Amino acid sequence: MNMIATGQRLPEASLTVMGKEGPETISANELLGHGRVVLFAVPGAFTPTCSARHLPGFVEQAASLKSRGVDRVVCLAVNDIFVLEAWAQQKDVGDSVEMVADGNGDFTRALGLEMDASAFGMGERSQRFAMILRDGIVESLMVDAPGEFRVSSAEYVLDQL
């Protein structure tokens, strides 16, 4: 599968969110296919750059993003929802960013944005990326080069709006 591109519709896949009663499965199109959404993906919850800069940047910039017409800010990781919930609590995310698990990486693979982190004992994960979506169509896709944290940052995304 080739990497998703600007102008393309998101692929369908099941994702997991934490509901009031526990984990809930939701379709990618149901979650991301309506309105203007900023989706950013991290290689892993609790990992150094993700914890120190990536997630906190979007938490800090959520109001600014929404003031520029973004309806939802969504964080995606190939982790389970329990890990993402613990990370969100540790980082005091509140309702600024929605945490979404792609536990088996199916959605990430369908996007063509997976990476092999086996050398670090992490298996298959997501590349570090951000995208701006409008009604499930990719308006802008920003994928960081391996080892970088630049174009997927909240500040960079804000500049693209």
N, C-alpha and C. Protein backbone atom coordinates (compact mmCIF):
# COMPACT_ATOMS: atom_id res chain seq x y z
N MET A 1 0.85 -1.19 0.00
CA MET A 1 0.00 0.00 0.00
C MET A 1 0.88 1.24 0.00
N ASN A 2 0.53 2.16 -0.85
CA ASN A 2 1.23 3.44 -0.88
C ASN A 2 0.71 4.34 0.24
N MET A 3 1.50 5.32 0.58
CA MET A 3 1.11 6.28 1.60
C MET A 3 -0.08 7.10 1.11
N ILE A 4 -1.03 7.35 1.99
CA ILE A 4 -2.17 8.20 1.66
C ILE A 4 -1.66 9.57 1.23
N ALA A 5 -2.41 10.23 0.36
CA ALA A 5 -1.96 11.50 -0.18
C ALA A 5 -3.05 12.56 -0.03
N THR A 6 -2.65 13.80 -0.17
CA THR A 6 -3.59 14.92 -0.15
C THR A 6 -4.69 14.67 -1.18
N GLY A 7 -5.91 14.95 -0.78
CA GLY A 7 -7.06 14.78 -1.67
C GLY A 7 -7.73 13.42 -1.56
N GLN A 8 -7.09 12.48 -0.86
CA GLN A 8 -7.67 11.15 -0.73
C GLN A 8 -8.54 11.04 0.53
N ARG A 9 -9.52 10.14 0.45
CA ARG A 9 -10.38 9.84 1.60
C ARG A 9 -9.67 8.86 2.53
N LEU A 10 -9.90 9.03 3.82
CA LEU A 10 -9.32 8.10 4.80
C LEU A 10 -9.82 6.69 4.55
N PRO A 11 -8.98 5.69 4.77
CA PRO A 11 -9.43 4.31 4.67
C PRO A 11 -10.29 3.95 5.88
N GLU A 12 -11.07 2.91 5.74
CA GLU A 12 -11.89 2.45 6.86
C GLU A 12 -11.09 1.46 7.71
N ALA A 13 -11.24 1.59 8.99
CA ALA A 13 -10.61 0.68 9.95
C ALA A 13 -11.28 0.91 11.29
N SER A 14 -11.12 -0.04 12.20
CA SER A 14 -11.64 0.11 13.55
C SER A 14 -10.57 0.68 14.46
N LEU A 15 -10.99 1.63 15.28
CA LEU A 15 -10.11 2.25 16.26
C LEU A 15 -10.76 2.08 17.64
N THR A 16 -10.02 2.38 18.68
CA THR A 16 -10.57 2.25 20.03
C THR A 16 -10.42 3.56 20.79
N VAL A 17 -11.48 3.96 21.46
CA VAL A 17 -11.48 5.12 22.34
C VAL A 17 -11.95 4.65 23.72
N MET A 18 -11.70 5.46 24.72
CA MET A 18 -12.16 5.12 26.06
C MET A 18 -13.50 5.82 26.29
N GLY A 19 -14.53 5.03 26.47
CA GLY A 19 -15.85 5.57 26.76
C GLY A 19 -16.10 5.60 28.25
N LYS A 20 -17.27 6.02 28.64
CA LYS A 20 -17.64 6.09 30.06
C LYS A 20 -17.65 4.71 30.71
N GLU A 21 -17.97 3.69 29.93
CA GLU A 21 -18.06 2.32 30.46
C GLU A 21 -16.81 1.49 30.17
N GLY A 22 -15.81 2.09 29.52
CA GLY A 22 -14.61 1.35 29.16
C GLY A 22 -14.31 1.48 27.68
N PRO A 23 -13.44 0.62 27.15
CA PRO A 23 -13.05 0.71 25.74
C PRO A 23 -14.24 0.56 24.80
N GLU A 24 -14.25 1.39 23.76
CA GLU A 24 -15.28 1.34 22.73
C GLU A 24 -14.62 1.31 21.36
N THR A 25 -15.13 0.46 20.49
CA THR A 25 -14.65 0.41 19.12
C THR A 25 -15.44 1.42 18.30
N ILE A 26 -14.74 2.15 17.46
CA ILE A 26 -15.37 3.16 16.61
C ILE A 26 -14.72 3.09 15.24
N SER A 27 -15.47 3.34 14.20
CA SER A 27 -14.89 3.32 12.85
C SER A 27 -14.10 4.61 12.63
N ALA A 28 -13.05 4.50 11.86
CA ALA A 28 -12.22 5.67 11.56
C ALA A 28 -13.05 6.76 10.90
N ASN A 29 -13.95 6.37 10.00
CA ASN A 29 -14.76 7.38 9.33
C ASN A 29 -15.76 8.04 10.27
N GLU A 30 -16.29 7.29 11.21
CA GLU A 30 -17.20 7.87 12.19
C GLU A 30 -16.45 8.88 13.07
N LEU A 31 -15.23 8.53 13.46
CA LEU A 31 -14.45 9.38 14.35
C LEU A 31 -13.83 10.58 13.64
N LEU A 32 -13.32 10.35 12.43
CA LEU A 32 -12.51 11.37 11.76
C LEU A 32 -13.14 11.96 10.50
N GLY A 33 -14.29 11.43 10.10
CA GLY A 33 -14.85 11.78 8.79
C GLY A 33 -15.80 12.94 8.74
N HIS A 34 -15.94 13.69 9.83
CA HIS A 34 -16.89 14.80 9.84
C HIS A 34 -16.22 16.07 10.36
N GLY A 35 -16.37 17.15 9.63
CA GLY A 35 -15.80 18.42 10.05
C GLY A 35 -14.31 18.48 9.76
N ARG A 36 -13.68 19.45 10.40
CA ARG A 36 -12.23 19.65 10.22
C ARG A 36 -11.52 19.05 11.42
N VAL A 37 -10.62 18.12 11.15
CA VAL A 37 -9.94 17.38 12.21
C VAL A 37 -8.43 17.47 12.00
N VAL A 38 -7.71 17.70 13.08
CA VAL A 38 -6.26 17.54 13.07
C VAL A 38 -5.97 16.21 13.74
N LEU A 39 -5.36 15.31 12.98
CA LEU A 39 -4.96 14.00 13.48
C LEU A 39 -3.44 13.99 13.53
N PHE A 40 -2.89 13.66 14.69
CA PHE A 40 -1.45 13.48 14.76
C PHE A 40 -1.15 12.13 15.36
N ALA A 41 -0.07 11.52 14.90
CA ALA A 41 0.28 10.18 15.35
C ALA A 41 1.68 10.20 15.95
N VAL A 42 1.81 9.41 16.99
CA VAL A 42 3.08 9.28 17.69
C VAL A 42 3.55 7.83 17.61
N PRO A 43 4.86 7.60 17.61
CA PRO A 43 5.36 6.23 17.61
C PRO A 43 4.98 5.45 18.87
N GLY A 44 4.85 6.14 20.00
CA GLY A 44 4.48 5.42 21.20
C GLY A 44 4.22 6.32 22.39
N ALA A 45 3.18 5.99 23.14
CA ALA A 45 2.91 6.69 24.39
C ALA A 45 4.09 6.51 25.34
N PHE A 46 4.35 7.51 26.12
CA PHE A 46 5.41 7.52 27.14
C PHE A 46 6.82 7.53 26.56
N THR A 47 6.98 7.54 25.24
CA THR A 47 8.32 7.61 24.67
C THR A 47 8.83 9.05 24.79
N PRO A 48 10.15 9.25 24.78
CA PRO A 48 10.71 10.56 25.14
C PRO A 48 10.18 11.77 24.37
N THR A 49 10.33 11.80 23.06
CA THR A 49 9.91 12.97 22.30
C THR A 49 8.39 13.12 22.34
N CYS A 50 7.68 12.02 22.26
CA CYS A 50 6.22 12.06 22.28
C CYS A 50 5.71 12.66 23.59
N SER A 51 6.33 12.28 24.69
CA SER A 51 5.89 12.74 26.01
C SER A 51 6.37 14.15 26.34
N ALA A 52 7.57 14.48 25.91
CA ALA A 52 8.14 15.79 26.27
C ALA A 52 7.65 16.91 25.36
N ARG A 53 7.38 16.58 24.07
CA ARG A 53 7.10 17.66 23.13
C ARG A 53 5.85 17.46 22.27
N HIS A 54 5.66 16.24 21.72
CA HIS A 54 4.61 16.07 20.71
C HIS A 54 3.21 16.24 21.31
N LEU A 55 2.83 15.37 22.23
CA LEU A 55 1.51 15.48 22.86
C LEU A 55 1.35 16.80 23.61
N PRO A 56 2.30 17.21 24.45
CA PRO A 56 2.12 18.48 25.16
C PRO A 56 1.91 19.68 24.22
N GLY A 57 2.58 19.67 23.08
CA GLY A 57 2.40 20.77 22.13
C GLY A 57 0.97 20.89 21.65
N PHE A 58 0.33 19.75 21.36
CA PHE A 58 -1.06 19.78 20.91
C PHE A 58 -2.01 20.13 22.04
N VAL A 59 -1.70 19.71 23.26
CA VAL A 59 -2.52 20.10 24.40
C VAL A 59 -2.46 21.61 24.56
N GLU A 60 -1.25 22.18 24.48
CA GLU A 60 -1.06 23.62 24.64
C GLU A 60 -1.70 24.42 23.51
N GLN A 61 -1.68 23.88 22.29
CA GLN A 61 -2.17 24.61 21.12
C GLN A 61 -3.61 24.27 20.74
N ALA A 62 -4.28 23.40 21.48
CA ALA A 62 -5.63 22.95 21.11
C ALA A 62 -6.59 24.12 20.90
N ALA A 63 -6.59 25.07 21.82
CA ALA A 63 -7.50 26.22 21.69
C ALA A 63 -7.17 27.05 20.46
N SER A 64 -5.89 27.24 20.18
CA SER A 64 -5.48 28.00 18.98
C SER A 64 -5.90 27.29 17.71
N LEU A 65 -5.73 25.96 17.69
CA LEU A 65 -6.16 25.17 16.53
C LEU A 65 -7.66 25.29 16.33
N LYS A 66 -8.40 25.19 17.41
CA LYS A 66 -9.86 25.28 17.31
C LYS A 66 -10.31 26.68 16.91
N SER A 67 -9.56 27.70 17.31
CA SER A 67 -9.91 29.07 16.92
C SER A 67 -9.70 29.30 15.42
N ARG A 68 -8.96 28.39 14.77
CA ARG A 68 -8.73 28.48 13.32
C ARG A 68 -9.60 27.49 12.55
N GLY A 69 -10.68 27.05 13.17
CA GLY A 69 -11.64 26.24 12.45
C GLY A 69 -11.51 24.73 12.60
N VAL A 70 -10.66 24.28 13.51
CA VAL A 70 -10.51 22.84 13.74
C VAL A 70 -11.58 22.41 14.75
N ASP A 71 -12.32 21.37 14.41
CA ASP A 71 -13.37 20.87 15.29
C ASP A 71 -12.83 19.92 16.36
N ARG A 72 -11.84 19.11 15.99
CA ARG A 72 -11.31 18.11 16.90
C ARG A 72 -9.82 17.94 16.69
N VAL A 73 -9.11 17.68 17.78
CA VAL A 73 -7.68 17.35 17.73
C VAL A 73 -7.57 15.92 18.28
N VAL A 74 -6.98 15.03 17.46
CA VAL A 74 -6.97 13.61 17.79
C VAL A 74 -5.53 13.08 17.76
N CYS A 75 -5.16 12.39 18.83
CA CYS A 75 -3.85 11.74 18.94
C CYS A 75 -4.03 10.25 18.69
N LEU A 76 -3.26 9.70 17.78
CA LEU A 76 -3.32 8.29 17.42
C LEU A 76 -1.99 7.61 17.75
N ALA A 77 -2.07 6.40 18.29
CA ALA A 77 -0.86 5.62 18.53
C ALA A 77 -1.17 4.14 18.39
N VAL A 78 -0.17 3.39 17.93
CA VAL A 78 -0.28 1.94 17.90
C VAL A 78 0.10 1.45 19.30
N ASN A 79 -0.83 1.65 20.20
CA ASN A 79 -0.76 1.22 21.60
C ASN A 79 -2.17 0.79 21.96
N ASP A 80 -2.33 0.19 23.13
CA ASP A 80 -3.70 -0.11 23.56
C ASP A 80 -4.29 1.11 24.26
N ILE A 81 -5.61 1.15 24.34
CA ILE A 81 -6.30 2.32 24.88
C ILE A 81 -6.00 2.54 26.36
N PHE A 82 -5.68 1.48 27.10
CA PHE A 82 -5.37 1.63 28.52
C PHE A 82 -4.06 2.41 28.70
N VAL A 83 -3.08 2.12 27.86
CA VAL A 83 -1.81 2.85 27.89
C VAL A 83 -2.04 4.31 27.52
N LEU A 84 -2.85 4.54 26.47
CA LEU A 84 -3.12 5.92 26.06
C LEU A 84 -3.87 6.70 27.14
N GLU A 85 -4.79 6.05 27.82
CA GLU A 85 -5.52 6.71 28.89
C GLU A 85 -4.59 7.07 30.05
N ALA A 86 -3.70 6.15 30.42
CA ALA A 86 -2.74 6.44 31.49
C ALA A 86 -1.82 7.59 31.10
N TRP A 87 -1.42 7.62 29.84
CA TRP A 87 -0.56 8.69 29.34
C TRP A 87 -1.30 10.02 29.36
N ALA A 88 -2.56 10.01 28.92
CA ALA A 88 -3.37 11.23 28.92
C ALA A 88 -3.54 11.77 30.33
N GLN A 89 -3.74 10.87 31.30
CA GLN A 89 -3.88 11.32 32.68
C GLN A 89 -2.57 11.91 33.19
N GLN A 90 -1.46 11.25 32.88
CA GLN A 90 -0.15 11.75 33.34
C GLN A 90 0.14 13.12 32.73
N LYS A 91 -0.26 13.33 31.48
CA LYS A 91 0.02 14.58 30.77
C LYS A 91 -1.09 15.61 30.91
N ASP A 92 -2.10 15.32 31.74
CA ASP A 92 -3.21 16.24 32.00
C ASP A 92 -3.84 16.74 30.69
N VAL A 93 -4.18 15.80 29.83
CA VAL A 93 -4.75 16.12 28.52
C VAL A 93 -6.17 16.66 28.63
N GLY A 94 -6.94 16.13 29.57
CA GLY A 94 -8.33 16.58 29.70
C GLY A 94 -9.09 16.32 28.42
N ASP A 95 -9.91 17.29 28.00
CA ASP A 95 -10.66 17.11 26.76
C ASP A 95 -10.07 17.91 25.60
N SER A 96 -8.83 18.37 25.75
CA SER A 96 -8.20 19.17 24.69
C SER A 96 -7.85 18.32 23.47
N VAL A 97 -7.45 17.07 23.70
CA VAL A 97 -7.04 16.15 22.64
C VAL A 97 -7.73 14.82 22.89
N GLU A 98 -8.31 14.24 21.85
CA GLU A 98 -8.93 12.92 21.94
C GLU A 98 -7.86 11.86 21.70
N MET A 99 -7.78 10.90 22.61
CA MET A 99 -6.78 9.84 22.52
C MET A 99 -7.41 8.62 21.85
N VAL A 100 -6.75 8.12 20.81
CA VAL A 100 -7.30 7.03 20.01
C VAL A 100 -6.24 5.95 19.80
N ALA A 101 -6.65 4.72 20.08
CA ALA A 101 -5.74 3.57 19.95
C ALA A 101 -5.98 2.85 18.63
N ASP A 102 -4.88 2.54 17.96
CA ASP A 102 -4.87 1.68 16.78
C ASP A 102 -4.07 0.45 17.19
N GLY A 103 -4.66 -0.30 18.13
CA GLY A 103 -3.95 -1.36 18.84
C GLY A 103 -3.16 -2.32 17.98
N ASN A 104 -3.72 -2.77 16.89
CA ASN A 104 -3.03 -3.72 16.01
C ASN A 104 -2.38 -3.05 14.81
N GLY A 105 -2.51 -1.74 14.71
CA GLY A 105 -1.89 -1.00 13.61
C GLY A 105 -2.61 -1.10 12.28
N ASP A 106 -3.85 -1.60 12.28
CA ASP A 106 -4.57 -1.78 11.01
C ASP A 106 -4.80 -0.46 10.28
N PHE A 107 -5.23 0.57 11.01
CA PHE A 107 -5.48 1.87 10.39
C PHE A 107 -4.17 2.48 9.89
N THR A 108 -3.13 2.40 10.71
CA THR A 108 -1.82 2.94 10.34
C THR A 108 -1.30 2.28 9.08
N ARG A 109 -1.44 0.95 8.98
CA ARG A 109 -1.02 0.23 7.77
C ARG A 109 -1.87 0.66 6.57
N ALA A 110 -3.18 0.84 6.78
CA ALA A 110 -4.06 1.25 5.69
C ALA A 110 -3.68 2.65 5.18
N LEU A 111 -3.15 3.49 6.07
CA LEU A 111 -2.66 4.81 5.67
C LEU A 111 -1.32 4.74 4.95
N GLY A 112 -0.62 3.60 5.09
CA GLY A 112 0.72 3.47 4.53
C GLY A 112 1.76 4.22 5.35
N LEU A 113 1.48 4.41 6.65
CA LEU A 113 2.36 5.21 7.51
C LEU A 113 2.96 4.41 8.66
N GLU A 114 3.05 3.09 8.48
CA GLU A 114 3.65 2.26 9.52
C GLU A 114 5.17 2.31 9.43
N MET A 115 5.81 1.93 10.53
CA MET A 115 7.26 1.79 10.54
C MET A 115 7.62 0.60 11.42
N ASP A 116 8.74 0.02 11.14
CA ASP A 116 9.22 -1.12 11.90
C ASP A 116 10.16 -0.61 12.99
N ALA A 117 9.70 -0.67 14.24
CA ALA A 117 10.52 -0.23 15.37
C ALA A 117 11.04 -1.43 16.16
N SER A 118 11.15 -2.57 15.48
CA SER A 118 11.62 -3.80 16.14
C SER A 118 13.02 -3.64 16.71
N ALA A 119 13.85 -2.83 16.08
CA ALA A 119 15.21 -2.61 16.57
C ALA A 119 15.21 -2.00 17.97
N PHE A 120 14.09 -1.36 18.33
CA PHE A 120 13.95 -0.75 19.65
C PHE A 120 13.05 -1.57 20.56
N GLY A 121 12.68 -2.78 20.12
CA GLY A 121 11.82 -3.65 20.90
C GLY A 121 10.37 -3.21 20.93
N MET A 122 9.95 -2.42 19.92
CA MET A 122 8.60 -1.87 19.91
C MET A 122 7.70 -2.45 18.82
N GLY A 123 8.24 -3.32 17.97
CA GLY A 123 7.41 -3.89 16.91
C GLY A 123 7.01 -2.86 15.87
N GLU A 124 5.87 -3.11 15.23
CA GLU A 124 5.38 -2.19 14.21
C GLU A 124 4.63 -1.04 14.88
N ARG A 125 4.97 0.17 14.49
CA ARG A 125 4.37 1.38 15.07
C ARG A 125 4.02 2.34 13.95
N SER A 126 3.54 3.49 14.34
CA SER A 126 3.23 4.55 13.38
C SER A 126 4.44 5.46 13.22
N GLN A 127 4.62 5.94 12.00
CA GLN A 127 5.56 7.03 11.81
C GLN A 127 5.00 8.25 12.54
N ARG A 128 5.85 9.22 12.81
CA ARG A 128 5.41 10.47 13.42
C ARG A 128 4.85 11.34 12.29
N PHE A 129 3.54 11.65 12.37
CA PHE A 129 2.92 12.47 11.33
C PHE A 129 1.78 13.29 11.89
N ALA A 130 1.32 14.23 11.09
CA ALA A 130 0.10 14.99 11.38
C ALA A 130 -0.62 15.18 10.06
N MET A 131 -1.94 15.25 10.13
CA MET A 131 -2.71 15.57 8.93
C MET A 131 -3.89 16.44 9.31
N ILE A 132 -4.27 17.25 8.35
CA ILE A 132 -5.47 18.08 8.49
C ILE A 132 -6.51 17.45 7.57
N LEU A 133 -7.66 17.13 8.14
CA LEU A 133 -8.74 16.46 7.41
C LEU A 133 -9.96 17.36 7.35
N ARG A 134 -10.66 17.29 6.24
CA ARG A 134 -11.97 17.94 6.13
C ARG A 134 -12.96 16.89 5.62
N ASP A 135 -13.90 16.54 6.47
CA ASP A 135 -14.92 15.53 6.14
C ASP A 135 -14.28 14.24 5.62
N GLY A 136 -13.19 13.82 6.26
CA GLY A 136 -12.55 12.55 5.93
C GLY A 136 -11.61 12.59 4.74
N ILE A 137 -11.41 13.76 4.17
CA ILE A 137 -10.49 13.94 3.03
C ILE A 137 -9.22 14.62 3.55
N VAL A 138 -8.06 14.12 3.12
CA VAL A 138 -6.79 14.69 3.56
C VAL A 138 -6.55 16.03 2.85
N GLU A 139 -6.52 17.10 3.64
CA GLU A 139 -6.20 18.43 3.11
C GLU A 139 -4.69 18.65 3.10
N SER A 140 -4.04 18.13 4.15
CA SER A 140 -2.60 18.34 4.29
C SER A 140 -2.03 17.16 5.08
N LEU A 141 -0.88 16.66 4.63
CA LEU A 141 -0.20 15.55 5.30
C LEU A 141 1.24 15.95 5.55
N MET A 142 1.65 15.82 6.81
CA MET A 142 3.00 16.20 7.21
C MET A 142 3.63 15.02 7.92
N VAL A 143 4.64 14.41 7.29
CA VAL A 143 5.29 13.23 7.84
C VAL A 143 6.74 13.58 8.17
N ASP A 144 7.11 13.38 9.42
CA ASP A 144 8.49 13.64 9.82
C ASP A 144 9.41 12.54 9.31
N ALA A 145 10.62 12.93 8.96
CA ALA A 145 11.65 11.96 8.59
C ALA A 145 11.99 11.15 9.83
N PRO A 146 12.47 9.92 9.65
CA PRO A 146 12.83 9.10 10.82
C PRO A 146 13.77 9.84 11.76
N GLY A 147 13.44 9.81 13.05
CA GLY A 147 14.27 10.47 14.05
C GLY A 147 14.02 11.96 14.19
N GLU A 148 13.17 12.53 13.36
CA GLU A 148 12.90 13.97 13.42
C GLU A 148 11.60 14.26 14.15
N PHE A 149 11.48 15.49 14.65
CA PHE A 149 10.22 16.01 15.17
C PHE A 149 10.15 17.45 14.72
N ARG A 150 9.46 17.68 13.60
CA ARG A 150 9.41 19.03 13.04
C ARG A 150 8.04 19.30 12.45
N VAL A 151 7.74 18.66 11.30
CA VAL A 151 6.52 19.01 10.56
C VAL A 151 5.24 18.45 11.18
N SER A 152 5.36 17.55 12.15
CA SER A 152 4.16 17.03 12.80
C SER A 152 3.88 17.75 14.12
N SER A 153 4.63 18.80 14.41
CA SER A 153 4.43 19.54 15.66
C SER A 153 3.17 20.39 15.59
N ALA A 154 2.60 20.68 16.74
CA ALA A 154 1.40 21.52 16.82
C ALA A 154 1.66 22.90 16.21
N GLU A 155 2.84 23.44 16.47
CA GLU A 155 3.16 24.78 15.95
C GLU A 155 3.21 24.76 14.42
N TYR A 156 3.80 23.73 13.85
CA TYR A 156 3.87 23.63 12.39
C TYR A 156 2.48 23.46 11.80
N VAL A 157 1.66 22.60 12.41
CA VAL A 157 0.30 22.39 11.93
C VAL A 157 -0.49 23.69 12.01
N LEU A 158 -0.34 24.42 13.10
CA LEU A 158 -1.04 25.69 13.27
C LEU A 158 -0.69 26.64 12.12
N ASP A 159 0.57 26.66 11.72
CA ASP A 159 1.01 27.51 10.61
C ASP A 159 0.40 27.10 9.27
N GLN A 160 -0.05 25.84 9.16
CA GLN A 160 -0.63 25.35 7.90
C GLN A 160 -2.11 25.68 7.77
N LEU A 161 -2.73 26.10 8.87
CA LEU A 161 -4.18 26.39 8.83
C LEU A 161 -4.48 27.79 8.32
